[in-house]
Amino acid sequence: MIKMLNSQRSLSELPKMSAASQVERAVLEEEFNWLLREEVHAVLKQLQDVLKEASRRFSIPSPGLESQLKQENFILGSSSMDQVKGVLTLQGEALTQADINLKVAKSSQTMHFQFREDKQWKLQQIQDARNHVNQALQLLSSHDESYHFKTGTEVNKLMDAVMLQLTRARNRLTTPASLTLPELATSGLMKMFSPPMPGDVMVNFYINLSKLCLMVYQLHVLPPNTTKNFKHAGSSVLHNPGAMFELNNNRFEVSHVHKVECVVPWLNDTLVFLTISLQLCQQLKDKISVFSSFWSYRPF
């Protein structure tokens, strides 16, 4: 008898539990639809605003000349003891002038080099980062306010695609390319200078975070019969003294390495905007995942 009563009570409670579950699901569905309809677009608008600011940093116009990029001068070297000093002129992604003084090791001689007037050097890292930011903006603009997102999966796919472009943009600014010494020696950069660089000096420019860096390598030629302990250096951002390589049947060793750098403020701004944008994307994905964990019967 007691078992029967308990059984009847359990059965009588089932509709109530089901009704409560239905109400909870209805509330979740309403909240989720609001998220898809309103909040997703609010985040997309915020993302576009931040990334437009980042995109503008790559091309700072001169006052009154919207189509012309401002030239900015940056001083390299800070003390009288520096072996390398110079001034770099940056215009957007292009180095339009480089004026470099190099004190030759074990000598009081100072060599002076500058870009030829008909030459400028494109910084591929800045160009690539700008392109990735613009691709992220294109992805966001393809879903305007009239677009109706139907599932969380759809939002996540968009966020993943945007985050991929933003991560690539950030990586281009934080990770300079690794090059071999023969690649540096035969780079087009070596043909940029007047007077021409001597055969025992090599240079490289790159971006590292918010800094514009100049590497100067001084070399000495190894005797033709040098075979003992000769080892080709591999790819690297920075080659240390003692690194060896072979070019045109001659063998060289790096004798001195000089690195000078300067901070480019708008590159720092750009990195901050990229970090903020990646956080906004992840926060939206986290909100979507909260619903998917509660609400397993609807595809996300």
Protein backbone atom coordinates (compact mmCIF):
# COMPACT_ATOMS: atom_id res chain seq x y z
CA MET A 1 0.00 0.00 0.00
CA ILE A 2 2.80 2.39 0.98
CA LYS A 3 4.71 1.51 -2.20
CA MET A 4 1.60 2.23 -4.28
CA LEU A 5 1.11 5.64 -2.63
CA ASN A 6 4.74 6.53 -3.20
CA SER A 7 4.42 5.44 -6.78
CA GLN A 8 1.32 7.58 -7.29
CA ARG A 9 3.03 10.59 -5.67
CA SER A 10 6.05 10.18 -7.91
CA LEU A 11 3.85 10.02 -10.95
CA SER A 12 1.93 13.10 -9.82
CA GLU A 13 5.17 15.04 -9.48
CA LEU A 14 6.39 14.22 -13.00
CA PRO A 15 4.16 16.73 -14.84
CA LYS A 16 5.27 19.47 -12.43
CA MET A 17 8.95 18.66 -13.02
CA SER A 18 8.35 18.55 -16.74
CA ALA A 19 6.54 21.89 -16.63
CA ALA A 20 9.38 23.45 -14.63
CA SER A 21 11.86 22.06 -17.10
CA GLN A 22 9.85 23.48 -19.97
CA VAL A 23 9.75 26.91 -18.33
CA GLU A 24 13.51 26.81 -17.74
CA ARG A 25 14.09 25.84 -21.34
CA ALA A 26 11.75 28.58 -22.55
CA VAL A 27 13.66 31.15 -20.50
CA LEU A 28 16.99 29.86 -21.80
CA GLU A 29 15.70 29.93 -25.35
CA GLU A 30 14.50 33.50 -24.96
CA GLU A 31 17.85 34.56 -23.47
CA PHE A 32 19.76 32.74 -26.18
CA ASN A 33 17.68 34.30 -28.96
CA TRP A 34 18.34 37.72 -27.42
CA LEU A 35 22.06 36.92 -27.39
CA LEU A 36 22.00 35.94 -31.07
CA ARG A 37 19.79 38.87 -32.07
CA GLU A 38 21.21 41.72 -29.96
CA GLU A 39 24.44 41.03 -28.09
CA VAL A 40 26.31 39.30 -30.91
CA HIS A 41 25.79 42.33 -33.16
CA ALA A 42 26.79 44.68 -30.34
CA VAL A 43 30.07 42.78 -29.96
CA LEU A 44 30.63 42.74 -33.74
CA LYS A 45 30.15 46.53 -33.82
CA GLN A 46 32.60 46.95 -30.94
CA LEU A 47 35.12 44.71 -32.71
CA GLN A 48 34.82 46.71 -35.93
CA ASP A 49 35.39 49.98 -34.06
CA VAL A 50 38.53 48.66 -32.34
CA LEU A 51 39.95 47.10 -35.52
CA LYS A 52 39.30 50.24 -37.56
CA GLU A 53 41.46 52.09 -35.05
CA ALA A 54 44.14 49.41 -35.47
CA SER A 55 43.91 49.68 -39.26
CA ARG A 56 44.30 53.46 -39.10
CA ARG A 57 47.53 53.07 -37.15
CA PHE A 58 49.13 51.37 -40.14
CA SER A 59 48.56 54.46 -42.28
CA ILE A 60 48.80 57.69 -40.31
CA PRO A 61 47.89 60.57 -42.67
CA SER A 62 49.56 63.96 -42.56
CA PRO A 63 47.27 66.79 -41.41
CA GLY A 64 45.28 68.08 -44.37
CA LEU A 65 46.71 65.43 -46.71
CA GLU A 66 44.51 62.38 -46.27
CA SER A 67 46.13 60.47 -49.12
CA GLN A 68 49.71 61.07 -48.05
CA LEU A 69 51.28 59.10 -45.22
CA LYS A 70 53.18 61.00 -42.58
CA GLN A 71 56.93 60.45 -42.45
CA GLU A 72 58.27 59.70 -38.99
CA ASN A 73 61.92 59.88 -38.00
CA PHE A 74 63.36 57.53 -35.38
CA ILE A 75 66.80 57.84 -33.82
CA LEU A 76 68.90 54.71 -33.36
CA GLY A 77 71.63 54.53 -30.72
CA SER A 78 71.65 56.43 -27.47
CA SER A 79 75.18 56.80 -26.08
CA SER A 80 78.58 57.94 -27.29
CA MET A 81 79.83 54.36 -26.89
CA ASP A 82 77.43 52.95 -29.48
CA GLN A 83 79.12 51.33 -32.45
CA VAL A 84 76.06 52.00 -34.60
CA LYS A 85 74.03 55.18 -34.78
CA GLY A 86 71.51 56.38 -37.27
CA VAL A 87 68.16 57.83 -38.21
CA LEU A 88 65.37 55.81 -39.84
CA THR A 89 62.47 57.41 -41.69
CA LEU A 90 59.28 55.34 -41.61
CA GLN A 91 56.26 56.09 -43.80
CA GLY A 92 53.54 53.54 -43.11
CA GLU A 93 55.02 50.15 -43.97
CA ALA A 94 58.01 51.58 -45.88
CA LEU A 95 61.43 52.65 -44.69
CA THR A 96 61.97 55.61 -47.00
CA GLN A 97 65.39 56.56 -45.63
CA ALA A 98 68.08 55.05 -43.45
CA ASP A 99 71.12 57.06 -42.42
CA ILE A 100 73.61 54.82 -40.62
CA ASN A 101 77.03 55.44 -39.04
CA LEU A 102 79.14 52.39 -38.16
CA LYS A 103 82.33 52.49 -36.12
CA VAL A 104 84.56 49.76 -37.46
CA ALA A 105 85.76 47.37 -34.77
CA LYS A 106 89.39 47.84 -33.66
CA SER A 107 89.59 51.06 -35.65
CA SER A 108 88.65 54.69 -35.26
CA GLN A 109 87.20 54.71 -38.77
CA THR A 110 83.49 55.49 -39.12
CA MET A 111 81.59 54.32 -42.18
CA HIS A 112 78.49 56.18 -43.34
CA PHE A 113 75.67 54.65 -45.39
CA GLN A 114 72.28 55.86 -46.46
CA PHE A 115 69.50 54.68 -48.75
CA ARG A 116 69.75 55.69 -52.38
CA GLU A 117 67.24 58.42 -53.21
CA ASP A 118 65.38 56.16 -55.64
CA LYS A 119 64.97 53.32 -53.12
CA GLN A 120 62.73 52.46 -50.19
CA TRP A 121 62.43 49.23 -48.22
CA LYS A 122 59.04 47.64 -47.57
CA LEU A 123 58.69 46.09 -44.12
CA GLN A 124 56.81 42.90 -44.97
CA GLN A 125 55.82 42.29 -41.35
CA ILE A 126 53.82 45.54 -41.19
CA GLN A 127 52.29 44.90 -44.62
CA ASP A 128 51.17 41.38 -43.65
CA ALA A 129 49.81 42.48 -40.25
CA ARG A 130 47.77 45.25 -41.88
CA ASN A 131 46.36 42.79 -44.45
CA HIS A 132 45.29 40.36 -41.71
CA VAL A 133 43.54 43.15 -39.77
CA ASN A 134 41.71 44.21 -42.94
CA GLN A 135 40.67 40.59 -43.62
CA ALA A 136 39.23 40.41 -40.09
CA LEU A 137 37.27 43.61 -40.79
CA GLN A 138 35.91 42.12 -44.02
CA LEU A 139 34.70 39.03 -42.14
CA LEU A 140 32.90 41.21 -39.59
CA SER A 141 31.32 43.51 -42.19
CA SER A 142 29.86 40.51 -44.03
CA HIS A 143 27.41 40.09 -41.13
CA ASP A 144 25.63 43.45 -40.79
CA GLU A 145 22.88 44.25 -38.26
CA SER A 146 20.18 42.79 -40.50
CA TYR A 147 21.85 39.38 -40.49
CA HIS A 148 20.19 36.83 -38.21
CA PHE A 149 22.46 34.30 -36.54
CA LYS A 150 20.60 31.01 -36.08
CA THR A 151 22.97 28.93 -33.95
CA GLY A 152 25.86 29.30 -31.55
CA THR A 153 27.99 27.24 -33.91
CA GLU A 154 27.57 29.89 -36.58
CA VAL A 155 28.77 32.62 -34.19
CA ASN A 156 31.71 30.49 -33.03
CA LYS A 157 32.80 29.82 -36.62
CA LEU A 158 32.84 33.57 -37.33
CA MET A 159 34.77 34.28 -34.12
CA ASP A 160 37.29 31.53 -34.93
CA ALA A 161 37.85 32.97 -38.42
CA VAL A 162 38.31 36.50 -37.04
CA MET A 163 40.61 35.29 -34.24
CA LEU A 164 42.74 33.41 -36.78
CA GLN A 165 43.37 36.63 -38.73
CA LEU A 166 44.07 38.62 -35.55
CA THR A 167 46.47 35.99 -34.23
CA ARG A 168 48.31 35.97 -37.56
CA ALA A 169 48.52 39.79 -37.48
CA ARG A 170 49.94 39.74 -33.96
CA ASN A 171 52.38 36.95 -34.78
CA ARG A 172 53.76 38.88 -37.75
CA LEU A 173 54.65 41.77 -35.44
CA THR A 174 56.00 39.63 -32.59
CA THR A 175 57.91 37.02 -34.59
CA PRO A 176 60.55 38.30 -37.06
CA ALA A 177 61.54 36.02 -39.92
CA SER A 178 64.48 33.68 -39.45
CA LEU A 179 67.06 34.06 -42.22
CA THR A 180 70.32 32.35 -43.08
CA LEU A 181 73.47 34.44 -43.44
CA PRO A 182 73.65 33.79 -47.23
CA GLU A 183 70.03 34.99 -47.50
CA LEU A 184 71.00 38.20 -45.69
CA ALA A 185 74.11 38.63 -47.87
CA THR A 186 72.08 38.34 -51.09
CA SER A 187 69.05 40.29 -49.87
CA GLY A 188 67.81 43.21 -51.93
CA LEU A 189 68.42 45.33 -48.83
CA MET A 190 72.15 45.15 -49.53
CA LYS A 191 71.59 47.01 -52.82
CA MET A 192 69.74 49.87 -51.15
CA PHE A 193 72.71 51.88 -49.93
CA SER A 194 74.95 54.62 -51.22
CA PRO A 195 77.84 54.16 -51.06
CA PRO A 196 77.36 50.40 -51.50
CA MET A 197 77.87 48.23 -48.43
CA PRO A 198 81.34 46.65 -48.38
CA GLY A 199 81.55 42.87 -48.60
CA ASP A 200 82.33 42.48 -44.92
CA VAL A 201 79.21 44.29 -43.62
CA MET A 202 75.60 43.07 -43.67
CA VAL A 203 72.43 44.66 -42.30
CA ASN A 204 68.87 43.62 -41.58
CA PHE A 205 65.74 45.50 -40.49
CA TYR A 206 62.80 43.88 -38.73
CA ILE A 207 59.91 44.51 -36.37
CA ASN A 208 59.86 42.98 -32.88
CA LEU A 209 56.69 43.85 -30.96
CA SER A 210 56.59 47.68 -30.97
CA LYS A 211 60.25 48.11 -31.92
CA LEU A 212 61.94 48.74 -35.24
CA CYS A 213 65.29 46.94 -35.09
CA LEU A 214 68.50 47.23 -37.08
CA MET A 215 71.06 44.40 -37.04
CA VAL A 216 74.56 45.08 -38.33
CA TYR A 217 76.98 42.19 -38.89
CA GLN A 218 80.71 42.63 -39.42
CA LEU A 219 82.44 39.71 -41.09
CA HIS A 220 85.92 38.45 -41.75
CA VAL A 221 86.93 36.17 -44.58
CA LEU A 222 88.25 32.77 -43.55
CA PRO A 223 91.37 31.44 -45.30
CA PRO A 224 90.54 29.23 -48.33
CA ASN A 225 91.96 26.12 -46.67
CA THR A 226 89.83 26.53 -43.53
CA THR A 227 88.09 23.23 -42.96
CA LYS A 228 88.65 22.62 -39.29
CA ASN A 229 85.59 23.43 -37.16
CA PHE A 230 83.77 25.02 -40.11
CA LYS A 231 80.03 24.67 -39.66
CA HIS A 232 77.30 26.38 -41.64
CA ALA A 233 75.00 28.51 -39.48
CA GLY A 234 71.28 27.83 -39.87
CA SER A 235 68.33 30.22 -39.98
CA SER A 236 67.99 32.71 -37.16
CA VAL A 237 66.65 36.17 -36.33
CA LEU A 238 69.97 36.96 -34.62
CA HIS A 239 73.30 35.37 -35.58
CA ASN A 240 75.98 35.49 -32.89
CA PRO A 241 79.69 36.15 -33.37
CA GLY A 242 81.40 32.98 -34.59
CA ALA A 243 78.57 32.02 -36.95
CA MET A 244 79.95 30.84 -40.31
CA PHE A 245 78.65 30.63 -43.85
CA GLU A 246 79.80 30.12 -47.40
CA LEU A 247 78.98 32.32 -50.39
CA ASN A 248 80.45 32.38 -53.89
CA ASN A 249 83.19 29.91 -52.88
CA ASN A 250 84.27 32.17 -50.01
CA ARG A 251 83.88 31.33 -46.35
CA PHE A 252 82.95 33.97 -43.80
CA GLU A 253 82.67 34.24 -40.04
CA VAL A 254 80.68 36.81 -38.10
CA SER A 255 83.15 38.80 -36.01
CA HIS A 256 80.91 41.49 -34.49
CA VAL A 257 77.15 41.95 -34.11
CA HIS A 258 75.45 45.25 -33.33
CA LYS A 259 71.73 45.64 -32.59
CA VAL A 260 70.04 49.02 -32.23
CA GLU A 261 66.33 49.67 -32.00
CA CYS A 262 63.70 52.33 -31.51
CA VAL A 263 60.12 52.23 -30.24
CA VAL A 264 57.36 52.94 -32.78
CA PRO A 265 54.41 54.12 -30.62
CA TRP A 266 51.67 53.29 -33.13
CA LEU A 267 52.88 49.69 -33.35
CA ASN A 268 52.39 49.46 -29.59
CA ASP A 269 48.84 50.85 -30.02
CA THR A 270 48.16 48.27 -32.71
CA LEU A 271 49.25 45.38 -30.48
CA VAL A 272 46.96 46.65 -27.70
CA PHE A 273 44.01 46.84 -30.12
CA LEU A 274 44.70 43.29 -31.33
CA THR A 275 44.78 41.99 -27.75
CA ILE A 276 41.49 43.75 -26.90
CA SER A 277 39.86 42.33 -30.04
CA LEU A 278 40.98 38.78 -29.30
CA GLN A 279 39.57 39.12 -25.76
CA LEU A 280 36.21 40.35 -27.10
CA CYS A 281 36.02 37.36 -29.47
CA GLN A 282 36.84 34.90 -26.68
CA GLN A 283 34.31 36.48 -24.29
CA LEU A 284 31.55 36.07 -26.87
CA LYS A 285 32.54 32.43 -27.43
CA ASP A 286 32.44 31.89 -23.64
CA LYS A 287 28.89 33.28 -23.46
CA ILE A 288 27.79 30.93 -26.23
CA SER A 289 29.37 27.98 -24.42
CA VAL A 290 27.40 28.80 -21.22
CA PHE A 291 24.17 28.18 -23.10
CA SER A 292 25.42 25.03 -24.78
CA SER A 293 26.34 23.51 -21.41
CA PHE A 294 22.84 24.15 -20.03
CA TRP A 295 20.94 23.33 -23.13
CA SER A 296 22.13 20.21 -24.83
CA TYR A 297 19.08 19.40 -26.93
CA ARG A 298 19.50 22.34 -29.31
CA PRO A 299 22.44 22.28 -31.74
CA PHE A 300 25.04 24.94 -31.10
